[in-house]
PDB file of N, CA and C in Angstrom:
ATOM      1  N   MET A   1      46.552-155.754 -77.158  1.00  0.00           N
ATOM      2  CA  MET A   1      45.290-155.954 -76.457  1.00  0.00           C
ATOM      3  C   MET A   1      44.402-156.962 -77.172  1.00  0.00           C
ATOM      4  N   ASP A   2      44.472-157.073 -78.485  1.00  0.00           N
ATOM      5  CA  ASP A   2      43.781-158.107 -79.235  1.00  0.00           C
ATOM      6  C   ASP A   2      42.272-158.118 -78.974  1.00  0.00           C
ATOM      7  N   GLY A   3      41.608-156.942 -79.010  1.00  0.00           N
ATOM      8  CA  GLY A   3      40.164-156.865 -78.848  1.00  0.00           C
ATOM      9  C   GLY A   3      39.675-156.847 -77.422  1.00  0.00           C
ATOM     10  N   GLN A   4      40.553-156.985 -76.462  1.00  0.00           N
ATOM     11  CA  GLN A   4      40.135-156.980 -75.065  1.00  0.00           C
ATOM     12  C   GLN A   4      40.354-155.611 -74.454  1.00  0.00           C
ATOM     13  N   VAL A   5      39.493-155.261 -73.518  1.00  0.00           N
ATOM     14  CA  VAL A   5      39.634-154.017 -72.774  1.00  0.00           C
ATOM     15  C   VAL A   5      40.470-154.324 -71.550  1.00  0.00           C
ATOM     16  N   GLU A   6      41.536-153.570 -71.367  1.00  0.00           N
ATOM     17  CA  GLU A   6      42.429-153.830 -70.243  1.00  0.00           C
ATOM     18  C   GLU A   6      42.384-152.688 -69.252  1.00  0.00           C
ATOM     19  N   SER A   7      42.521-153.025 -67.979  1.00  0.00           N
ATOM     20  CA  SER A   7      42.574-151.999 -66.945  1.00  0.00           C
ATOM     21  C   SER A   7      43.983-151.437 -66.894  1.00  0.00           C
ATOM     22  N   THR A   8      44.210-150.448 -66.049  1.00  0.00           N
ATOM     23  CA  THR A   8      45.528-149.820 -65.963  1.00  0.00           C
ATOM     24  C   THR A   8      46.598-150.774 -65.456  1.00  0.00           C
ATOM     25  N   ASP A   9      46.201-151.839 -64.744  1.00  0.00           N
ATOM     26  CA  ASP A   9      47.206-152.787 -64.268  1.00  0.00           C
ATOM     27  C   ASP A   9      47.453-153.912 -65.272  1.00  0.00           C
ATOM     28  N   GLY A  10      46.804-153.841 -66.446  1.00  0.00           N
ATOM     29  CA  GLY A  10      47.057-154.813 -67.501  1.00  0.00           C
ATOM     30  C   GLY A  10      46.125-155.999 -67.500  1.00  0.00           C
ATOM     31  N   ALA A  11      45.220-156.109 -66.536  1.00  0.00           N
ATOM     32  CA  ALA A  11      44.310-157.249 -66.481  1.00  0.00           C
ATOM     33  C   ALA A  11      43.174-157.051 -67.477  1.00  0.00           C
ATOM     34  N   ALA A  12      42.850-158.097 -68.203  1.00  0.00           N
ATOM     35  CA  ALA A  12      41.753-158.025 -69.166  1.00  0.00           C
ATOM     36  C   ALA A  12      40.430-158.022 -68.415  1.00  0.00           C
ATOM     37  N   THR A  13      39.545-157.094 -68.778  1.00  0.00           N
ATOM     38  CA  THR A  13      38.266-156.993 -68.070  1.00  0.00           C
ATOM     39  C   THR A  13      37.075-157.288 -68.964  1.00  0.00           C
ATOM     40  N   GLY A  14      37.272-157.519 -70.235  1.00  0.00           N
ATOM     41  CA  GLY A  14      36.140-157.802 -71.119  1.00  0.00           C
ATOM     42  C   GLY A  14      36.558-157.748 -72.562  1.00  0.00           C
ATOM     43  N   ASN A  15      35.640-158.028 -73.446  1.00  0.00           N
ATOM     44  CA  ASN A  15      35.921-157.992 -74.874  1.00  0.00           C
ATOM     45  C   ASN A  15      35.243-156.799 -75.512  1.00  0.00           C
ATOM     46  N   GLN A  16      35.861-156.307 -76.559  1.00  0.00           N
ATOM     47  CA  GLN A  16      35.318-155.182 -77.299  1.00  0.00           C
ATOM     48  C   GLN A  16      34.929-155.702 -78.671  1.00  0.00           C
ATOM     49  N   TYR A  17      33.680-155.510 -79.064  1.00  0.00           N
ATOM     50  CA  TYR A  17      33.204-155.969 -80.353  1.00  0.00           C
ATOM     51  C   TYR A  17      32.773-154.762 -81.169  1.00  0.00           C
ATOM     52  N   VAL A  18      33.196-154.719 -82.416  1.00  0.00           N
ATOM     53  CA  VAL A  18      32.789-153.648 -83.319  1.00  0.00           C
ATOM     54  C   VAL A  18      31.963-154.294 -84.414  1.00  0.00           C
ATOM     55  N   THR A  19      30.744-153.838 -84.587  1.00  0.00           N
ATOM     56  CA  THR A  19      29.861-154.408 -85.602  1.00  0.00           C
ATOM     57  C   THR A  19      29.846-153.514 -86.828  1.00  0.00           C
ATOM     58  N   ASP A  20      29.325-154.062 -87.916  1.00  0.00           N
ATOM     59  CA  ASP A  20      29.184-153.261 -89.127  1.00  0.00           C
ATOM     60  C   ASP A  20      28.233-152.094 -88.895  1.00  0.00           C
ATOM     61  N   ALA A  21      27.239-152.288 -88.025  1.00  0.00           N
ATOM     62  CA  ALA A  21      26.290-151.211 -87.731  1.00  0.00           C
ATOM     63  C   ALA A  21      26.994-150.029 -87.085  1.00  0.00           C
ATOM     64  N   ALA A  22      28.013-150.300 -86.277  1.00  0.00           N
ATOM     65  CA  ALA A  22      28.742-149.217 -85.623  1.00  0.00           C
ATOM     66  C   ALA A  22      29.553-148.423 -86.629  1.00  0.00           C
ATOM     67  N   ARG A  23      29.919-149.059 -87.735  1.00  0.00           N
ATOM     68  CA  ARG A  23      30.724-148.390 -88.756  1.00  0.00           C
ATOM     69  C   ARG A  23      29.873-147.728 -89.831  1.00  0.00           C
ATOM     70  N   ALA A  24      28.602-148.007 -89.851  1.00  0.00           N
ATOM     71  CA  ALA A  24      27.721-147.517 -90.908  1.00  0.00           C
ATOM     72  C   ALA A  24      27.624-145.999 -90.871  1.00  0.00           C
ATOM     73  N   ASP A  25      27.566-145.415 -92.053  1.00  0.00           N
ATOM     74  CA  ASP A  25      27.359-143.973 -92.146  1.00  0.00           C
ATOM     75  C   ASP A  25      25.907-143.668 -91.823  1.00  0.00           C
ATOM     76  N   ILE A  26      25.687-142.562 -91.164  1.00  0.00           N
ATOM     77  CA  ILE A  26      24.337-142.155 -90.797  1.00  0.00           C
ATOM     78  C   ILE A  26      23.930-141.007 -91.702  1.00  0.00           C
ATOM     79  N   GLU A  27      22.812-141.176 -92.364  1.00  0.00           N
ATOM     80  CA  GLU A  27      22.298-140.124 -93.229  1.00  0.00           C
ATOM     81  C   GLU A  27      21.305-139.287 -92.448  1.00  0.00           C
ATOM     82  N   VAL A  28      21.532-137.994 -92.409  1.00  0.00           N
ATOM     83  CA  VAL A  28      20.663-137.088 -91.667  1.00  0.00           C
ATOM     84  C   VAL A  28      19.939-136.207 -92.667  1.00  0.00           C
ATOM     85  N   SER A  29      18.644-136.210 -92.579  1.00  0.00           N
ATOM     86  CA  SER A  29      17.840-135.363 -93.443  1.00  0.00           C
ATOM     87  C   SER A  29      17.325-134.191 -92.629  1.00  0.00           C
ATOM     88  N   LEU A  30      17.411-133.017 -93.191  1.00  0.00           N
ATOM     89  CA  LEU A  30      16.888-131.831 -92.529  1.00  0.00           C
ATOM     90  C   LEU A  30      15.534-131.509 -93.130  1.00  0.00           C
ATOM     91  N   TYR A  31      14.572-131.258 -92.273  1.00  0.00           N
ATOM     92  CA  TYR A  31      13.235-130.927 -92.723  1.00  0.00           C
ATOM     93  C   TYR A  31      12.936-129.485 -92.349  1.00  0.00           C
ATOM     94  N   HIS A  32      12.242-128.810 -93.245  1.00  0.00           N
ATOM     95  CA  HIS A  32      11.827-127.439 -92.960  1.00  0.00           C
ATOM     96  C   HIS A  32      10.671-127.493 -91.971  1.00  0.00           C
ATOM     97  N   PHE A  33      10.785-126.754 -90.889  1.00  0.00           N
ATOM     98  CA  PHE A  33       9.728-126.721 -89.879  1.00  0.00           C
ATOM     99  C   PHE A  33       8.908-125.463 -90.074  1.00  0.00           C
ATOM    100  N   ASP A  34       7.653-125.644 -90.283  1.00  0.00           N
ATOM    101  CA  ASP A  34       6.734-124.523 -90.447  1.00  0.00           C
ATOM    102  C   ASP A  34       5.772-124.561 -89.267  1.00  0.00           C
ATOM    103  N   ASN A  35       5.869-123.578 -88.374  1.00  0.00           N
ATOM    104  CA  ASN A  35       5.073-123.622 -87.151  1.00  0.00           C
ATOM    105  C   ASN A  35       3.665-123.064 -87.311  1.00  0.00           C
ATOM    106  N   ARG A  36       3.264-122.717 -88.516  1.00  0.00           N
ATOM    107  CA  ARG A  36       1.891-122.274 -88.735  1.00  0.00           C
ATOM    108  C   ARG A  36       0.987-123.502 -88.755  1.00  0.00           C
ATOM    109  N   VAL A  37      -0.100-123.448 -88.031  1.00  0.00           N
ATOM    110  CA  VAL A  37      -1.015-124.590 -87.964  1.00  0.00           C
ATOM    111  C   VAL A  37      -2.439-124.147 -88.248  1.00  0.00           C
ATOM    112  N   THR A  38      -3.244-125.096 -88.654  1.00  0.00           N
ATOM    113  CA  THR A  38      -4.668-124.844 -88.848  1.00  0.00           C
ATOM    114  C   THR A  38      -5.427-125.592 -87.759  1.00  0.00           C
ATOM    115  N   ASP A  39      -6.744-125.398 -87.725  1.00  0.00           N
ATOM    116  CA  ASP A  39      -7.560-126.077 -86.714  1.00  0.00           C
ATOM    117  C   ASP A  39      -7.410-127.592 -86.790  1.00  0.00           C
ATOM    118  N   GLU A  40      -7.258-128.128 -87.999  1.00  0.00           N
ATOM    119  CA  GLU A  40      -7.141-129.570 -88.168  1.00  0.00           C
ATOM    120  C   GLU A  40      -5.781-130.097 -87.715  1.00  0.00           C
ATOM    121  N   GLU A  41      -4.761-129.241 -87.629  1.00  0.00           N
ATOM    122  CA  GLU A  41      -3.403-129.679 -87.322  1.00  0.00           C
ATOM    123  C   GLU A  41      -3.032-129.576 -85.849  1.00  0.00           C
ATOM    124  N   CYS A  42      -3.904-129.062 -84.994  1.00  0.00           N
ATOM    125  CA  CYS A  42      -3.562-128.895 -83.588  1.00  0.00           C
ATOM    126  C   CYS A  42      -3.305-130.247 -82.940  1.00  0.00           C
ATOM    127  N   PHE A  43      -2.274-130.313 -82.117  1.00  0.00           N
ATOM    128  CA  PHE A  43      -1.894-131.550 -81.444  1.00  0.00           C
ATOM    129  C   PHE A  43      -2.710-131.718 -80.178  1.00  0.00           C
ATOM    130  N   ASN A  44      -3.388-132.834 -80.075  1.00  0.00           N
ATOM    131  CA  ASN A  44      -4.170-133.160 -78.890  1.00  0.00           C
ATOM    132  C   ASN A  44      -3.748-134.549 -78.431  1.00  0.00           C
ATOM    133  N   PRO A  45      -2.978-134.645 -77.330  1.00  0.00           N
ATOM    134  CA  PRO A  45      -2.497-135.957 -76.879  1.00  0.00           C
ATOM    135  C   PRO A  45      -3.620-136.954 -76.617  1.00  0.00           C
ATOM    136  N   GLU A  46      -4.784-136.471 -76.183  1.00  0.00           N
ATOM    137  CA  GLU A  46      -5.888-137.387 -75.875  1.00  0.00           C
ATOM    138  C   GLU A  46      -6.396-138.112 -77.115  1.00  0.00           C
ATOM    139  N   SER A  47      -6.355-137.449 -78.270  1.00  0.00           N
ATOM    140  CA  SER A  47      -6.858-138.091 -79.488  1.00  0.00           C
ATOM    141  C   SER A  47      -5.745-138.595 -80.401  1.00  0.00           C
ATOM    142  N   CYS A  48      -4.521-138.085 -80.225  1.00  0.00           N
ATOM    143  CA  CYS A  48      -3.425-138.430 -81.135  1.00  0.00           C
ATOM    144  C   CYS A  48      -2.468-139.486 -80.591  1.00  0.00           C
ATOM    145  N   CYS A  49      -2.485-139.750 -79.292  1.00  0.00           N
ATOM    146  CA  CYS A  49      -1.463-140.604 -78.676  1.00  0.00           C
ATOM    147  C   CYS A  49      -2.056-141.895 -78.135  1.00  0.00           C
ATOM    148  N   ASP A  50      -1.229-142.948 -78.174  1.00  0.00           N
ATOM    149  CA  ASP A  50      -1.652-144.197 -77.547  1.00  0.00           C
ATOM    150  C   ASP A  50      -1.323-144.140 -76.057  1.00  0.00           C
ATOM    151  N   VAL A  51      -1.632-145.210 -75.338  1.00  0.00           N
ATOM    152  CA  VAL A  51      -1.456-145.239 -73.882  1.00  0.00           C
ATOM    153  C   VAL A  51       0.005-145.027 -73.501  1.00  0.00           C
ATOM    154  N   HIS A  52       0.928-145.657 -74.225  1.00  0.00           N
ATOM    155  CA  HIS A  52       2.357-145.521 -73.916  1.00  0.00           C
ATOM    156  C   HIS A  52       2.821-144.077 -74.107  1.00  0.00           C
ATOM    157  N   GLU A  53       2.429-143.457 -75.220  1.00  0.00           N
ATOM    158  CA  GLU A  53       2.828-142.073 -75.488  1.00  0.00           C
ATOM    159  C   GLU A  53       2.256-141.115 -74.444  1.00  0.00           C
ATOM    160  N   LYS A  54       1.016-141.349 -74.029  1.00  0.00           N
ATOM    161  CA  LYS A  54       0.417-140.518 -72.981  1.00  0.00           C
ATOM    162  C   LYS A  54       1.184-140.661 -71.671  1.00  0.00           C
ATOM    163  N   ALA A  55       1.643-141.878 -71.364  1.00  0.00           N
ATOM    164  CA  ALA A  55       2.421-142.103 -70.141  1.00  0.00           C
ATOM    165  C   ALA A  55       3.757-141.376 -70.212  1.00  0.00           C
ATOM    166  N   VAL A  56       4.397-141.390 -71.382  1.00  0.00           N
ATOM    167  CA  VAL A  56       5.672-140.680 -71.550  1.00  0.00           C
ATOM    168  C   VAL A  56       5.465-139.182 -71.371  1.00  0.00           C
ATOM    169  N   ILE A  57       4.407-138.645 -71.954  1.00  0.00           N
ATOM    170  CA  ILE A  57       4.108-137.216 -71.811  1.00  0.00           C
ATOM    171  C   ILE A  57       3.868-136.871 -70.348  1.00  0.00           C
ATOM    172  N   ALA A  58       3.127-137.715 -69.638  1.00  0.00           N
ATOM    173  CA  ALA A  58       2.863-137.475 -68.212  1.00  0.00           C
ATOM    174  C   ALA A  58       4.155-137.504 -67.404  1.00  0.00           C
ATOM    175  N   GLN A  59       5.052-138.450 -67.713  1.00  0.00           N
ATOM    176  CA  GLN A  59       6.333-138.523 -67.004  1.00  0.00           C
ATOM    177  C   GLN A  59       7.186-137.297 -67.286  1.00  0.00           C
ATOM    178  N   LEU A  60       7.205-136.839 -68.530  1.00  0.00           N
ATOM    179  CA  LEU A  60       7.975-135.640 -68.866  1.00  0.00           C
ATOM    180  C   LEU A  60       7.418-134.413 -68.156  1.00  0.00           C
ATOM    181  N   ARG A  61       6.103-134.295 -68.113  1.00  0.00           N
ATOM    182  CA  ARG A  61       5.498-133.160 -67.399  1.00  0.00           C
ATOM    183  C   ARG A  61       5.859-133.201 -65.920  1.00  0.00           C
ATOM    184  N   GLU A  62       5.819-134.403 -65.327  1.00  0.00           N
ATOM    185  CA  GLU A  62       6.172-134.544 -63.910  1.00  0.00           C
ATOM    186  C   GLU A  62       7.638-134.195 -63.674  1.00  0.00           C
ATOM    187  N   LEU A  63       8.497-134.627 -64.599  1.00  0.00           N
ATOM    188  CA  LEU A  63       9.925-134.342 -64.485  1.00  0.00           C
ATOM    189  C   LEU A  63      10.208-132.852 -64.644  1.00  0.00           C
ATOM    190  N   LEU A  64       9.538-132.226 -65.592  1.00  0.00           N
ATOM    191  CA  LEU A  64       9.788-130.815 -65.888  1.00  0.00           C
ATOM    192  C   LEU A  64       9.046-129.858 -64.966  1.00  0.00           C
ATOM    193  N   ARG A  65       8.147-130.394 -64.161  1.00  0.00           N
ATOM    194  CA  ARG A  65       7.404-129.569 -63.203  1.00  0.00           C
ATOM    195  C   ARG A  65       7.737-130.031 -61.788  1.00  0.00           C
ATOM    196  N   PRO A  66       8.903-129.636 -61.281  1.00  0.00           N
ATOM    197  CA  PRO A  66       9.324-130.110 -59.957  1.00  0.00           C
ATOM    198  C   PRO A  66       8.393-129.601 -58.862  1.00  0.00           C
ATOM    199  N   THR A  67       8.253-130.406 -57.811  1.00  0.00           N
ATOM    200  CA  THR A  67       7.411-130.002 -56.683  1.00  0.00           C
ATOM    201  C   THR A  67       8.245-129.505 -55.513  1.00  0.00           C
ATOM    202  N   CYS A  68       9.523-129.871 -55.464  1.00  0.00           N
ATOM    203  CA  CYS A  68      10.375-129.425 -54.356  1.00  0.00           C
ATOM    204  C   CYS A  68      11.426-128.462 -54.901  1.00  0.00           C
ATOM    205  N   ALA A  69      11.004-127.228 -55.083  1.00  0.00           N
ATOM    206  CA  ALA A  69      11.877-126.149 -55.532  1.00  0.00           C
ATOM    207  C   ALA A  69      11.291-124.859 -54.964  1.00  0.00           C
ATOM    208  N   PRO A  70      12.067-123.775 -54.962  1.00  0.00           N
ATOM    209  CA  PRO A  70      11.510-122.506 -54.488  1.00  0.00           C
ATOM    210  C   PRO A  70      10.243-122.155 -55.270  1.00  0.00           C
ATOM    211  N   LYS A  71       9.256-121.605 -54.569  1.00  0.00           N
ATOM    212  CA  LYS A  71       7.970-121.298 -55.195  1.00  0.00           C
ATOM    213  C   LYS A  71       8.122-120.412 -56.422  1.00  0.00           C
ATOM    214  N   CYS A  72       9.050-119.459 -56.357  1.00  0.00           N
ATOM    215  CA  CYS A  72       9.216-118.561 -57.501  1.00  0.00           C
ATOM    216  C   CYS A  72       9.734-119.326 -58.726  1.00  0.00           C
ATOM    217  N   LEU A  73      10.611-120.316 -58.512  1.00  0.00           N
ATOM    218  CA  LEU A  73      11.122-121.115 -59.623  1.00  0.00           C
ATOM    219  C   LEU A  73      10.024-122.004 -60.195  1.00  0.00           C
ATOM    220  N   VAL A  74       9.261-122.636 -59.328  1.00  0.00           N
ATOM    221  CA  VAL A  74       8.165-123.491 -59.780  1.00  0.00           C
ATOM    222  C   VAL A  74       7.166-122.670 -60.588  1.00  0.00           C
ATOM    223  N   ALA A  75       6.832-121.482 -60.107  1.00  0.00           N
ATOM    224  CA  ALA A  75       5.886-120.619 -60.822  1.00  0.00           C
ATOM    225  C   ALA A  75       6.424-120.239 -62.196  1.00  0.00           C
ATOM    226  N   ARG A  76       7.704-119.878 -62.266  1.00  0.00           N
ATOM    227  CA  ARG A  76       8.301-119.499 -63.553  1.00  0.00           C
ATOM    228  C   ARG A  76       8.348-120.683 -64.507  1.00  0.00           C
ATOM    229  N   LEU A  77       8.681-121.878 -64.000  1.00  0.00           N
ATOM    230  CA  LEU A  77       8.697-123.071 -64.849  1.00  0.00           C
ATOM    231  C   LEU A  77       7.304-123.382 -65.388  1.00  0.00           C
ATOM    232  N   HIS A  78       6.294-123.290 -64.524  1.00  0.00           N
ATOM    233  CA  HIS A  78       4.924-123.558 -64.960  1.00  0.00           C
ATOM    234  C   HIS A  78       4.499-122.564 -66.035  1.00  0.00           C
ATOM    235  N   GLU A  79       4.809-121.290 -65.847  1.00  0.00           N
ATOM    236  CA  GLU A  79       4.449-120.276 -66.838  1.00  0.00           C
ATOM    237  C   GLU A  79       5.125-120.550 -68.171  1.00  0.00           C
ATOM    238  N   MET A  80       6.416-120.882 -68.128  1.00  0.00           N
ATOM    239  CA  MET A  80       7.158-121.150 -69.354  1.00  0.00           C
ATOM    240  C   MET A  80       6.611-122.383 -70.066  1.00  0.00           C
ATOM    241  N   LEU A  81       6.368-123.458 -69.318  1.00  0.00           N
ATOM    242  CA  LEU A  81       5.853-124.679 -69.933  1.00  0.00           C
ATOM    243  C   LEU A  81       4.444-124.487 -70.472  1.00  0.00           C
ATOM    244  N   ASP A  82       3.643-123.693 -69.784  1.00  0.00           N
ATOM    245  CA  ASP A  82       2.303-123.407 -70.291  1.00  0.00           C
ATOM    246  C   ASP A  82       2.385-122.689 -71.634  1.00  0.00           C
ATOM    247  N   ARG A  83       3.301-121.730 -71.735  1.00  0.00           N
ATOM    248  CA  ARG A  83       3.465-121.003 -72.996  1.00  0.00           C
ATOM    249  C   ARG A  83       3.980-121.919 -74.092  1.00  0.00           C
ATOM    250  N   CYS A  84       4.976-122.746 -73.786  1.00  0.00           N
ATOM    251  CA  CYS A  84       5.644-123.554 -74.807  1.00  0.00           C
ATOM    252  C   CYS A  84       4.928-124.851 -75.142  1.00  0.00           C
ATOM    253  N   CYS A  85       4.384-125.513 -74.145  1.00  0.00           N
ATOM    254  CA  CYS A  85       3.913-126.886 -74.345  1.00  0.00           C
ATOM    255  C   CYS A  85       2.414-127.067 -74.284  1.00  0.00           C
ATOM    256  N   LEU A  86       1.739-126.308 -73.474  1.00  0.00           N
ATOM    257  CA  LEU A  86       0.330-126.575 -73.234  1.00  0.00           C
ATOM    258  C   LEU A  86      -0.616-125.713 -74.042  1.00  0.00           C
ATOM    259  N   GLU A  87      -0.107-124.666 -74.678  1.00  0.00           N
ATOM    260  CA  GLU A  87      -0.968-123.816 -75.479  1.00  0.00           C
ATOM    261  C   GLU A  87      -0.674-124.072 -76.941  1.00  0.00           C
ATOM    262  N   GLU A  88      -1.719-124.104 -77.732  1.00  0.00           N
ATOM    263  CA  GLU A  88      -1.578-124.305 -79.163  1.00  0.00           C
ATOM    264  C   GLU A  88      -2.200-123.109 -79.867  1.00  0.00           C
ATOM    265  N   THR A  89      -1.554-122.650 -80.899  1.00  0.00           N
ATOM    266  CA  THR A  89      -2.107-121.558 -81.682  1.00  0.00           C
ATOM    267  C   THR A  89      -2.824-122.156 -82.881  1.00  0.00           C
ATOM    268  N   CYS A  90      -4.108-121.950 -82.947  1.00  0.00           N
ATOM    269  CA  CYS A  90      -4.931-122.498 -84.032  1.00  0.00           C
ATOM    270  C   CYS A  90      -5.754-121.374 -84.636  1.00  0.00           C
ATOM    271  N   GLY A  91      -5.479-121.056 -85.873  1.00  0.00           N
ATOM    272  CA  GLY A  91      -6.258-120.026 -86.547  1.00  0.00           C
ATOM    273  C   GLY A  91      -6.183-118.673 -85.874  1.00  0.00           C
ATOM    274  N   GLY A  92      -5.065-118.371 -85.229  1.00  0.00           N
ATOM    275  CA  GLY A  92      -4.893-117.086 -84.582  1.00  0.00           C
ATOM    276  C   GLY A  92      -5.371-117.040 -83.153  1.00  0.00           C
ATOM    277  N   GLU A  93      -6.087-118.076 -82.700  1.00  0.00           N
ATOM    278  CA  GLU A  93      -6.574-118.116 -81.326  1.00  0.00           C
ATOM    279  C   GLU A  93      -5.691-119.031 -80.493  1.00  0.00           C
ATOM    280  N   ILE A  94      -5.506-118.700 -79.240  1.00  0.00           N
ATOM    281  CA  ILE A  94      -4.734-119.548 -78.340  1.00  0.00           C
ATOM    282  C   ILE A  94      -5.709-120.452 -77.603  1.00  0.00           C
ATOM    283  N   VAL A  95      -5.481-121.758 -77.717  1.00  0.00           N
ATOM    284  CA  VAL A  95      -6.360-122.752 -77.108  1.00  0.00           C
ATOM    285  C   VAL A  95      -5.553-123.538 -76.098  1.00  0.00           C
ATOM    286  N   SER A  96      -6.024-123.612 -74.852  1.00  0.00           N
ATOM    287  CA  SER A  96      -5.314-124.389 -73.836  1.00  0.00           C
ATOM    288  C   SER A  96      -5.520-125.866 -74.095  1.00  0.00           C
ATOM    289  N   ALA A  97      -4.439-126.639 -73.892  1.00  0.00           N
ATOM    290  CA  ALA A  97      -4.512-128.090 -74.127  1.00  0.00           C
ATOM    291  C   ALA A  97      -5.119-128.795 -72.943  1.00  0.00           C
TER     292      ALA A  97
END
């Protein structure tokens, strides 16, 4: 094949290139996650994110909150996302985002 990608009938359809980056080892660091937060550490997208990040968050919320699904499923998804994503625990109090 000599670096070319061939179809089942033997015709060459393109070239295959392997770069040094593809061969590079990837180092993965594990970080300890501590979910305890203080008032100063609460995440607020309005003050912490730029315009692009806010747009990504809005798109994810729209994607994860479907509008054309059974009402019971939509309600359960909203409840779950509210618990997981929209509420922050700060100093023992639950604050809606």
